N, C-alpha and C. Protein backbone atom coordinates (compact mmCIF):
# COMPACT_ATOMS: atom_id res chain seq x y z
N MET A 1 30.52 -3.32 44.28
CA MET A 1 31.15 -3.38 42.77
C MET A 1 30.08 -3.88 41.85
N ALA A 2 29.01 -4.49 42.43
CA ALA A 2 27.97 -5.09 41.54
C ALA A 2 27.15 -3.95 40.88
N ASP A 3 27.07 -2.76 41.51
CA ASP A 3 26.31 -1.63 41.16
C ASP A 3 27.04 -1.01 40.00
N ASP A 4 28.45 -1.24 40.00
CA ASP A 4 29.10 -0.59 38.92
C ASP A 4 29.10 -1.28 37.64
N TYR A 5 28.72 -2.53 37.58
CA TYR A 5 28.59 -3.38 36.34
C TYR A 5 27.70 -2.78 35.23
N VAL A 6 28.34 -2.50 34.10
CA VAL A 6 27.52 -1.91 32.97
C VAL A 6 27.25 -2.92 31.96
N TYR A 7 26.01 -3.04 31.48
CA TYR A 7 25.65 -4.02 30.51
C TYR A 7 24.60 -3.50 29.51
N ALA A 8 24.59 -4.12 28.33
CA ALA A 8 23.53 -3.77 27.29
C ALA A 8 22.45 -4.58 27.39
N ASP A 9 21.24 -4.14 27.65
CA ASP A 9 19.95 -4.91 27.89
C ASP A 9 19.24 -5.18 26.52
N LEU A 10 19.31 -6.34 26.12
CA LEU A 10 18.69 -6.64 24.72
C LEU A 10 17.36 -7.36 24.81
N VAL A 11 16.77 -7.37 26.04
CA VAL A 11 15.64 -8.13 26.19
C VAL A 11 14.37 -7.77 25.26
N LEU A 12 14.23 -6.52 25.13
CA LEU A 12 13.12 -6.00 24.36
C LEU A 12 13.26 -6.27 22.91
N PHE A 13 14.55 -6.26 22.37
CA PHE A 13 14.84 -6.43 21.02
C PHE A 13 14.64 -7.93 20.77
N GLU A 14 15.12 -8.71 21.71
CA GLU A 14 15.06 -10.22 21.45
C GLU A 14 13.48 -10.57 21.53
N LYS A 15 12.77 -9.94 22.39
CA LYS A 15 11.39 -10.28 22.53
C LYS A 15 10.64 -9.89 21.27
N PHE A 16 10.98 -8.67 20.63
CA PHE A 16 10.40 -8.26 19.45
C PHE A 16 10.46 -9.37 18.34
N LYS A 17 11.78 -9.81 18.11
CA LYS A 17 12.09 -10.85 17.19
C LYS A 17 11.23 -12.11 17.39
N ASN A 18 11.24 -12.51 18.75
CA ASN A 18 10.50 -13.77 19.06
C ASN A 18 9.12 -13.68 18.89
N ASP A 19 8.48 -12.51 19.29
CA ASP A 19 7.05 -12.26 19.11
C ASP A 19 6.59 -12.13 17.67
N SER A 20 7.61 -11.89 16.85
CA SER A 20 7.12 -11.70 15.40
C SER A 20 6.56 -12.85 14.75
N ALA A 21 6.92 -14.02 15.07
CA ALA A 21 6.30 -15.21 14.52
C ALA A 21 4.92 -15.38 14.98
N ASP A 22 4.54 -15.04 16.17
CA ASP A 22 3.15 -15.03 16.64
C ASP A 22 2.42 -14.02 15.94
N ALA A 23 2.98 -12.82 15.79
CA ALA A 23 2.18 -11.63 15.02
C ALA A 23 2.07 -12.09 13.58
N ILE A 24 2.92 -12.76 13.00
CA ILE A 24 2.65 -13.25 11.55
C ILE A 24 1.52 -14.15 11.54
N SER A 25 1.56 -15.09 12.43
CA SER A 25 0.48 -16.13 12.46
C SER A 25 -0.95 -15.52 12.60
N GLU A 26 -0.82 -14.61 13.56
CA GLU A 26 -2.20 -13.82 13.94
C GLU A 26 -2.69 -13.10 12.68
N PHE A 27 -1.61 -12.33 12.08
CA PHE A 27 -2.09 -11.51 10.90
C PHE A 27 -2.53 -12.34 9.69
N LYS A 28 -1.95 -13.56 9.54
CA LYS A 28 -2.45 -14.35 8.42
C LYS A 28 -3.92 -14.81 8.70
N GLN A 29 -4.19 -15.07 9.90
CA GLN A 29 -5.46 -15.49 10.30
C GLN A 29 -6.53 -14.28 10.11
N ILE A 30 -6.04 -13.17 10.42
CA ILE A 30 -6.97 -11.91 10.23
C ILE A 30 -7.12 -11.81 8.70
N LYS A 31 -6.15 -11.92 7.87
CA LYS A 31 -6.41 -11.80 6.50
C LYS A 31 -7.28 -12.83 5.89
N THR A 32 -7.12 -14.09 6.45
CA THR A 32 -7.92 -15.04 5.95
C THR A 32 -9.38 -14.80 6.33
N ASP A 33 -9.69 -14.42 7.59
CA ASP A 33 -10.94 -14.19 8.03
C ASP A 33 -11.54 -13.02 7.26
N TYR A 34 -10.70 -11.94 6.98
CA TYR A 34 -11.15 -10.81 6.18
C TYR A 34 -11.63 -11.22 4.67
N GLU A 35 -10.75 -12.01 4.17
CA GLU A 35 -11.07 -12.46 2.82
C GLU A 35 -12.37 -13.38 2.80
N THR A 36 -12.50 -14.24 3.76
CA THR A 36 -13.69 -15.05 3.97
C THR A 36 -14.91 -14.18 4.14
N LEU A 37 -14.87 -13.22 4.95
CA LEU A 37 -16.07 -12.37 5.23
C LEU A 37 -16.37 -11.66 4.01
N ASN A 38 -15.45 -11.17 3.27
CA ASN A 38 -15.69 -10.33 2.03
C ASN A 38 -16.29 -11.32 0.92
N THR A 39 -15.82 -12.56 0.83
CA THR A 39 -16.28 -13.37 -0.15
C THR A 39 -17.76 -13.77 0.10
N ASN A 40 -18.10 -14.10 1.45
CA ASN A 40 -19.36 -14.33 1.74
C ASN A 40 -20.26 -13.14 1.60
N LEU A 41 -19.80 -12.05 1.82
CA LEU A 41 -20.58 -10.77 1.67
C LEU A 41 -20.92 -10.51 0.27
N MET A 42 -19.95 -10.72 -0.58
CA MET A 42 -20.10 -10.46 -2.07
C MET A 42 -21.04 -11.46 -2.73
N LYS A 43 -21.21 -12.71 -2.04
CA LYS A 43 -22.05 -13.60 -2.62
C LYS A 43 -23.57 -13.23 -2.39
N GLN A 44 -23.83 -12.36 -1.36
CA GLN A 44 -25.10 -11.92 -1.00
C GLN A 44 -25.47 -10.51 -1.57
N TRP A 45 -24.46 -9.63 -1.74
CA TRP A 45 -24.53 -8.27 -2.01
C TRP A 45 -24.24 -8.07 -3.45
N LYS A 46 -25.18 -7.33 -4.24
CA LYS A 46 -24.88 -7.16 -5.71
C LYS A 46 -25.22 -5.62 -5.92
N GLY A 47 -24.68 -5.09 -7.03
CA GLY A 47 -24.95 -3.78 -7.38
C GLY A 47 -23.82 -2.79 -7.27
N GLN A 48 -23.97 -1.48 -7.60
CA GLN A 48 -22.98 -0.55 -7.52
C GLN A 48 -22.29 -0.54 -6.11
N GLY A 49 -23.03 -0.47 -5.19
CA GLY A 49 -22.55 -0.43 -3.86
C GLY A 49 -21.64 -1.59 -3.47
N ALA A 50 -21.94 -2.76 -4.00
CA ALA A 50 -21.10 -3.94 -3.76
C ALA A 50 -19.86 -3.85 -4.51
N GLU A 51 -19.92 -3.35 -5.78
CA GLU A 51 -18.69 -3.28 -6.54
C GLU A 51 -17.80 -2.11 -5.98
N ALA A 52 -18.47 -1.04 -5.47
CA ALA A 52 -17.49 -0.05 -4.88
C ALA A 52 -16.79 -0.56 -3.61
N TYR A 53 -17.60 -1.45 -2.82
CA TYR A 53 -17.01 -1.86 -1.60
C TYR A 53 -15.98 -2.97 -1.93
N LYS A 54 -16.19 -3.70 -2.96
CA LYS A 54 -15.22 -4.78 -3.30
C LYS A 54 -13.90 -4.11 -3.84
N LEU A 55 -14.03 -3.07 -4.56
CA LEU A 55 -12.70 -2.20 -4.93
C LEU A 55 -12.03 -1.74 -3.69
N GLN A 56 -12.76 -1.22 -2.70
CA GLN A 56 -12.07 -0.70 -1.50
C GLN A 56 -11.51 -1.80 -0.56
N ALA A 57 -12.21 -2.96 -0.60
CA ALA A 57 -11.62 -4.03 0.18
C ALA A 57 -10.39 -4.59 -0.43
N ASN A 58 -10.45 -4.65 -1.80
CA ASN A 58 -9.21 -5.20 -2.60
C ASN A 58 -8.19 -4.15 -2.30
N HIS A 59 -8.39 -2.77 -2.35
CA HIS A 59 -7.39 -1.87 -2.30
C HIS A 59 -6.75 -1.86 -0.81
N ILE A 60 -7.59 -2.19 0.18
CA ILE A 60 -7.06 -2.38 1.50
C ILE A 60 -6.00 -3.55 1.67
N MET A 61 -6.40 -4.71 0.96
CA MET A 61 -5.50 -5.80 1.01
C MET A 61 -4.20 -5.51 0.27
N GLU A 62 -4.35 -4.82 -0.88
CA GLU A 62 -3.06 -4.34 -1.51
C GLU A 62 -2.15 -3.52 -0.75
N ASN A 63 -2.85 -2.58 -0.03
CA ASN A 63 -1.97 -1.72 0.75
C ASN A 63 -1.32 -2.28 1.91
N ILE A 64 -2.04 -3.34 2.51
CA ILE A 64 -1.43 -4.04 3.67
C ILE A 64 -0.29 -4.90 3.23
N GLY A 65 -0.37 -5.40 2.06
CA GLY A 65 0.71 -6.17 1.46
C GLY A 65 1.03 -7.49 2.27
N ASP A 66 2.21 -7.91 2.07
CA ASP A 66 2.55 -9.08 2.89
C ASP A 66 3.18 -8.76 4.12
N PHE A 67 2.49 -8.84 5.13
CA PHE A 67 2.91 -8.47 6.54
C PHE A 67 4.12 -9.36 6.96
N GLU A 68 4.09 -10.75 6.56
CA GLU A 68 5.27 -11.51 6.97
C GLU A 68 6.54 -10.99 6.34
N THR A 69 6.52 -10.57 5.03
CA THR A 69 7.78 -10.05 4.41
C THR A 69 8.13 -8.88 4.89
N ASN A 70 7.12 -7.97 5.32
CA ASN A 70 7.58 -6.64 5.92
C ASN A 70 8.11 -6.77 7.25
N LEU A 71 7.54 -7.63 7.99
CA LEU A 71 8.09 -7.97 9.37
C LEU A 71 9.49 -8.63 9.34
N ASN A 72 9.60 -9.55 8.53
CA ASN A 72 10.95 -10.34 8.31
C ASN A 72 11.91 -9.42 7.88
N THR A 73 11.67 -8.41 6.93
CA THR A 73 12.53 -7.44 6.44
C THR A 73 12.97 -6.40 7.68
N LEU A 74 11.99 -6.04 8.42
CA LEU A 74 12.31 -5.16 9.71
C LEU A 74 13.25 -5.99 10.54
N ASN A 75 12.89 -7.27 10.83
CA ASN A 75 13.76 -8.01 11.72
C ASN A 75 15.22 -8.14 11.23
N GLU A 76 15.27 -8.53 10.02
CA GLU A 76 16.71 -8.79 9.34
C GLU A 76 17.34 -7.47 9.08
N GLU A 77 16.83 -6.34 8.69
CA GLU A 77 17.58 -5.27 8.26
C GLU A 77 17.63 -4.09 9.48
N VAL A 78 16.81 -4.20 10.46
CA VAL A 78 16.88 -3.23 11.56
C VAL A 78 17.16 -4.03 12.85
N VAL A 79 16.26 -4.79 13.27
CA VAL A 79 16.38 -5.40 14.57
C VAL A 79 17.67 -6.23 14.68
N GLN A 80 17.96 -7.05 13.71
CA GLN A 80 19.20 -7.83 13.73
C GLN A 80 20.40 -6.95 13.72
N VAL A 81 20.47 -5.89 13.02
CA VAL A 81 21.61 -4.99 12.98
C VAL A 81 21.77 -4.41 14.35
N ILE A 82 20.71 -3.93 15.01
CA ILE A 82 20.76 -3.45 16.36
C ILE A 82 21.34 -4.47 17.30
N LEU A 83 20.70 -5.67 17.26
CA LEU A 83 21.20 -6.71 18.13
C LEU A 83 22.73 -6.92 17.96
N ASP A 84 23.14 -7.20 16.70
CA ASP A 84 24.52 -7.49 16.46
C ASP A 84 25.43 -6.27 17.06
N ALA A 85 25.00 -4.99 16.86
CA ALA A 85 25.73 -3.79 17.48
C ALA A 85 25.83 -3.94 18.91
N TYR A 86 24.62 -4.17 19.53
CA TYR A 86 24.58 -4.27 20.98
C TYR A 86 25.29 -5.35 21.54
N ASN A 87 25.29 -6.48 20.85
CA ASN A 87 26.06 -7.70 21.40
C ASN A 87 27.55 -7.38 21.28
N GLN A 88 28.05 -6.62 20.26
CA GLN A 88 29.44 -6.16 20.24
C GLN A 88 29.68 -5.25 21.48
N VAL A 89 28.81 -4.28 21.75
CA VAL A 89 28.99 -3.40 22.84
C VAL A 89 29.08 -4.24 24.02
N ASP A 90 28.16 -5.27 24.21
CA ASP A 90 28.07 -6.05 25.49
C ASP A 90 29.31 -6.69 25.68
N THR A 91 29.89 -7.21 24.53
CA THR A 91 31.26 -7.91 24.66
C THR A 91 32.33 -7.00 25.09
N ASP A 92 32.34 -5.83 24.50
CA ASP A 92 33.22 -4.72 24.89
C ASP A 92 33.19 -4.47 26.29
N LEU A 93 31.82 -4.08 26.78
CA LEU A 93 31.52 -3.75 28.16
C LEU A 93 32.01 -4.99 29.11
N ASP A 94 31.72 -6.18 28.74
CA ASP A 94 32.20 -7.12 29.57
C ASP A 94 33.68 -7.10 29.74
N GLU A 95 34.54 -6.93 28.77
CA GLU A 95 35.92 -6.77 28.97
C GLU A 95 36.29 -5.60 29.85
N ILE A 96 35.53 -4.46 29.70
CA ILE A 96 35.79 -3.29 30.48
C ILE A 96 35.46 -3.75 32.00
N ASN A 97 34.32 -4.40 32.16
CA ASN A 97 33.97 -4.68 33.58
C ASN A 97 34.93 -5.80 34.19
N ARG A 98 35.50 -6.49 33.47
CA ARG A 98 36.52 -7.51 33.97
C ARG A 98 37.90 -6.85 34.19
N ASN A 99 38.27 -5.97 33.43
CA ASN A 99 39.55 -5.18 33.46
C ASN A 99 39.41 -3.74 33.36
N PRO A 100 38.75 -3.04 34.40
CA PRO A 100 38.49 -1.65 34.32
C PRO A 100 39.84 -0.79 34.23
N GLU A 101 40.82 -1.29 34.78
CA GLU A 101 42.20 -0.59 34.85
C GLU A 101 42.66 -0.51 33.38
N LYS A 102 42.56 -1.62 32.71
CA LYS A 102 43.12 -1.75 31.24
C LYS A 102 42.25 -0.87 30.36
N ALA A 103 40.93 -0.77 30.65
CA ALA A 103 40.06 0.05 29.84
C ALA A 103 40.43 1.47 30.13
N SER A 104 40.67 1.96 31.27
CA SER A 104 41.05 3.19 31.73
C SER A 104 42.46 3.67 31.03
N GLU A 105 43.21 2.83 31.00
CA GLU A 105 44.68 2.98 30.31
C GLU A 105 44.37 3.20 28.82
N SER A 106 43.57 2.40 28.19
CA SER A 106 43.27 2.60 26.83
C SER A 106 42.62 3.83 26.42
N SER A 107 41.69 4.39 27.32
CA SER A 107 41.06 5.61 26.98
C SER A 107 41.95 6.77 27.22
N GLU A 108 43.02 6.62 28.13
CA GLU A 108 43.95 7.77 28.30
C GLU A 108 45.03 7.84 27.33
N GLY A 109 45.28 6.75 26.61
CA GLY A 109 46.44 6.72 25.69
C GLY A 109 46.04 7.02 24.43
């Protein structure tokens, strides 16, 4: 009977949500390091090449945007919705697993 038990596995979704905090911290450090590197470079480098580089570096930072906001939005608007749906399915499957005869009657009627 144990082989017949059906469940929704949410481990990867939960792991993604939990790992997001670490990813946000790591990305903040990368941004800080990138900004420090560029600041130090621009102190030493002058001229048209430096100005062109600075424009590109700033453009990169603008395109990256706020990683924390983007990841939080993904978690709230996608991952959490999926988790909520799967949790409901899991609840429904639990009832089916506990009362398979009742579930069979419901699907027939």
